[in-house]
N, C-alpha and C. Protein backbone atom coordinates (compact mmCIF):
# COMPACT_ATOMS: atom_id res chain seq x y z
N UNK A 1 -55.28 73.64 -74.69
CA UNK A 1 -54.63 72.12 -73.89
C UNK A 1 -55.15 72.41 -72.57
N UNK A 2 -55.58 71.60 -72.19
CA UNK A 2 -56.24 70.94 -71.05
C UNK A 2 -55.10 70.83 -69.79
N UNK A 3 -54.89 71.01 -68.65
CA UNK A 3 -54.11 71.43 -67.96
C UNK A 3 -54.71 70.38 -66.41
N UNK A 4 -53.76 70.04 -65.89
CA UNK A 4 -54.17 69.35 -64.82
C UNK A 4 -53.39 69.98 -63.67
N UNK A 5 -54.03 70.23 -62.35
CA UNK A 5 -53.58 70.79 -61.17
C UNK A 5 -53.49 69.66 -60.29
N UNK A 6 -52.31 69.50 -60.07
CA UNK A 6 -52.30 68.44 -58.92
C UNK A 6 -51.37 69.00 -57.44
N UNK A 7 -52.70 68.67 -56.76
CA UNK A 7 -52.14 69.25 -54.93
C UNK A 7 -51.82 68.23 -54.58
N UNK A 8 -50.17 67.88 -54.10
CA UNK A 8 -50.31 66.60 -53.65
C UNK A 8 -50.61 66.71 -52.11
N UNK A 9 -50.78 67.56 -51.34
CA UNK A 9 -51.40 67.77 -50.02
C UNK A 9 -52.88 67.10 -50.18
N UNK A 10 -53.28 67.55 -51.29
CA UNK A 10 -54.59 66.76 -51.10
C UNK A 10 -55.17 65.35 -52.07
N UNK A 11 -53.81 65.11 -52.34
CA UNK A 11 -53.75 63.44 -52.95
C UNK A 11 -53.41 62.87 -51.74
N UNK A 12 -52.44 63.19 -50.84
CA UNK A 12 -52.24 62.70 -49.67
C UNK A 12 -53.25 62.39 -48.68
N UNK A 13 -54.50 63.58 -48.76
CA UNK A 13 -55.37 63.29 -47.86
C UNK A 13 -56.61 62.83 -48.33
N UNK A 14 -56.49 62.48 -49.36
CA UNK A 14 -57.59 61.33 -50.22
C UNK A 14 -57.53 59.83 -50.40
N UNK A 15 -55.62 59.54 -50.51
CA UNK A 15 -55.14 58.54 -49.80
C UNK A 15 -55.43 58.32 -48.38
N UNK A 16 -55.46 58.87 -47.79
CA UNK A 16 -55.34 58.71 -46.16
C UNK A 16 -57.23 58.22 -46.00
N UNK A 17 -57.77 59.10 -46.74
CA UNK A 17 -59.32 58.54 -46.78
C UNK A 17 -59.63 57.40 -46.95
N UNK A 18 -59.24 56.85 -48.63
CA UNK A 18 -59.37 55.67 -49.18
C UNK A 18 -58.80 54.58 -48.24
N UNK A 19 -57.94 54.82 -47.53
CA UNK A 19 -57.00 53.50 -46.43
C UNK A 19 -58.31 53.51 -45.58
N UNK A 20 -58.56 54.57 -45.30
CA UNK A 20 -59.45 54.40 -43.97
C UNK A 20 -60.56 53.30 -44.30
N UNK A 21 -61.42 54.00 -45.47
CA UNK A 21 -62.65 53.47 -45.97
C UNK A 21 -62.17 51.77 -46.07
N UNK A 22 -61.22 51.55 -46.86
CA UNK A 22 -60.86 50.21 -46.83
C UNK A 22 -60.49 49.48 -45.32
N UNK A 23 -60.14 49.89 -44.80
CA UNK A 23 -60.16 49.20 -43.41
C UNK A 23 -61.14 49.14 -42.70
N UNK A 24 -62.13 49.99 -43.44
CA UNK A 24 -63.47 50.11 -42.52
C UNK A 24 -64.31 48.79 -43.13
N UNK A 25 -64.27 48.21 -44.61
CA UNK A 25 -64.58 47.67 -45.03
C UNK A 25 -64.36 46.54 -44.45
N UNK A 26 -62.90 46.02 -44.21
CA UNK A 26 -62.06 44.56 -43.92
C UNK A 26 -62.99 44.69 -42.21
N UNK A 27 -63.08 45.40 -41.80
CA UNK A 27 -63.47 45.41 -40.04
C UNK A 27 -64.79 44.77 -40.62
N UNK A 28 -65.80 45.70 -41.10
CA UNK A 28 -66.94 44.85 -41.46
C UNK A 28 -67.08 43.16 -42.05
N UNK A 29 -66.49 43.27 -42.97
CA UNK A 29 -65.71 41.97 -43.22
C UNK A 29 -65.79 40.79 -41.97
N UNK A 30 -64.94 41.20 -41.25
CA UNK A 30 -64.55 40.47 -40.06
C UNK A 30 -65.79 40.12 -39.40
N UNK A 31 -66.20 41.51 -38.81
CA UNK A 31 -68.03 41.01 -38.19
C UNK A 31 -68.57 40.80 -38.17
N UNK A 32 -68.90 40.47 -39.42
CA UNK A 32 -69.79 39.79 -40.34
C UNK A 32 -69.67 38.63 -40.42
N UNK A 33 -68.27 37.93 -40.92
CA UNK A 33 -68.22 36.47 -40.38
C UNK A 33 -67.76 36.24 -39.25
N UNK A 34 -67.83 36.80 -38.19
CA UNK A 34 -67.61 36.24 -36.74
C UNK A 34 -69.24 35.88 -36.80
N UNK A 35 -70.38 37.12 -36.74
CA UNK A 35 -71.07 36.90 -36.15
C UNK A 35 -72.06 35.54 -37.48
N UNK A 36 -71.92 35.48 -38.53
CA UNK A 36 -72.50 34.20 -38.66
C UNK A 36 -71.92 33.16 -38.55
N UNK A 37 -70.41 33.20 -37.87
CA UNK A 37 -69.96 32.21 -37.12
C UNK A 37 -70.36 31.61 -35.74
N UNK A 38 -70.65 32.69 -35.32
CA UNK A 38 -71.91 32.49 -33.96
C UNK A 38 -72.94 31.92 -34.04
N UNK A 39 -73.97 32.29 -35.21
CA UNK A 39 -75.24 31.49 -35.10
C UNK A 39 -75.11 30.01 -35.10
N UNK A 40 -76.72 29.50 -34.31
CA UNK A 40 -76.44 27.71 -34.63
C UNK A 40 -77.75 27.43 -35.43
N UNK A 41 -77.24 27.48 -36.66
CA UNK A 41 -78.97 26.91 -37.53
C UNK A 41 -78.58 25.46 -38.32
N UNK A 42 -78.96 25.06 -39.02
CA UNK A 42 -79.35 24.19 -39.64
C UNK A 42 -78.58 24.32 -40.73
N UNK A 43 -78.12 22.79 -41.01
CA UNK A 43 -77.10 22.88 -42.14
C UNK A 43 -77.85 23.28 -43.53
N UNK A 44 -78.80 23.28 -43.72
CA UNK A 44 -79.12 23.92 -45.03
C UNK A 44 -79.54 24.75 -45.15
N UNK A 45 -80.05 25.82 -44.38
CA UNK A 45 -80.29 26.80 -43.97
C UNK A 45 -78.78 27.63 -43.87
N UNK A 46 -77.96 27.19 -43.18
CA UNK A 46 -76.30 28.17 -43.48
C UNK A 46 -76.18 27.68 -43.85
N UNK A 47 -76.05 26.95 -45.31
CA UNK A 47 -75.35 26.32 -46.37
C UNK A 47 -75.46 27.12 -47.06
N UNK A 48 -77.01 27.86 -47.25
CA UNK A 48 -77.55 29.08 -48.28
C UNK A 48 -76.91 30.28 -47.95
N UNK A 49 -76.77 30.87 -46.69
CA UNK A 49 -76.93 31.80 -46.37
C UNK A 49 -74.74 32.17 -46.14
N UNK A 50 -74.06 31.08 -46.01
CA UNK A 50 -72.82 31.42 -45.78
C UNK A 50 -72.51 31.80 -47.56
N UNK A 51 -73.22 30.57 -48.95
CA UNK A 51 -72.61 31.20 -50.12
C UNK A 51 -73.21 32.83 -50.17
N UNK A 52 -74.23 33.51 -49.71
CA UNK A 52 -74.43 34.76 -49.58
C UNK A 52 -73.42 35.54 -48.91
N UNK A 53 -72.96 35.34 -47.84
CA UNK A 53 -72.04 36.04 -47.08
C UNK A 53 -70.76 35.62 -47.85
N UNK A 54 -70.13 34.86 -48.74
CA UNK A 54 -69.13 34.55 -49.00
C UNK A 54 -68.77 35.62 -50.21
N UNK A 55 -69.97 35.59 -50.72
CA UNK A 55 -70.05 36.62 -51.76
C UNK A 55 -70.06 38.01 -51.69
N UNK A 56 -71.02 38.43 -50.63
CA UNK A 56 -70.52 39.60 -49.67
C UNK A 56 -69.00 39.93 -49.17
N UNK A 57 -68.60 39.16 -48.40
CA UNK A 57 -67.12 39.32 -48.42
C UNK A 57 -66.04 39.47 -49.59
N UNK A 58 -66.72 38.70 -50.64
CA UNK A 58 -65.36 39.00 -51.52
C UNK A 58 -65.73 40.46 -52.03
N UNK A 59 -67.24 40.80 -52.89
CA UNK A 59 -67.41 41.85 -53.10
C UNK A 59 -66.67 42.87 -52.16
N UNK A 60 -66.51 43.10 -50.76
CA UNK A 60 -66.26 43.92 -49.67
C UNK A 60 -64.50 43.62 -50.05
N UNK A 61 -63.66 42.90 -49.76
CA UNK A 61 -62.21 42.76 -50.85
C UNK A 61 -62.42 43.60 -51.40
N UNK A 62 -63.03 43.28 -52.64
CA UNK A 62 -62.84 44.08 -53.76
C UNK A 62 -62.76 45.27 -53.85
N UNK A 63 -63.87 45.75 -52.93
CA UNK A 63 -64.15 47.32 -52.87
C UNK A 63 -62.44 48.18 -52.20
N UNK A 64 -62.24 46.68 -50.75
CA UNK A 64 -61.34 47.84 -50.32
C UNK A 64 -60.27 47.70 -50.88
N UNK A 65 -59.45 46.54 -51.95
CA UNK A 65 -58.37 46.74 -52.98
C UNK A 65 -58.69 47.44 -54.01
N UNK A 66 -60.10 48.59 -54.26
CA UNK A 66 -59.99 49.54 -55.30
C UNK A 66 -59.38 50.62 -54.42
N UNK A 67 -60.08 50.60 -53.21
CA UNK A 67 -60.12 52.07 -52.55
C UNK A 67 -58.54 52.01 -51.78
């Protein structure tokens, strides 16, 4: 029979690391949004980049949620 050894302190450390990583991803998401908002582009080009940025932000949110 297989046994799993659980060390609560190691789980707490891993949880803290994952929360820190999630926070970092959320920070990157915010910085990317701010950077895109500060750019002065033609409407057509901006619309294309905004779609890609929104996709990237949603992926970052999903990763942060999983973490």
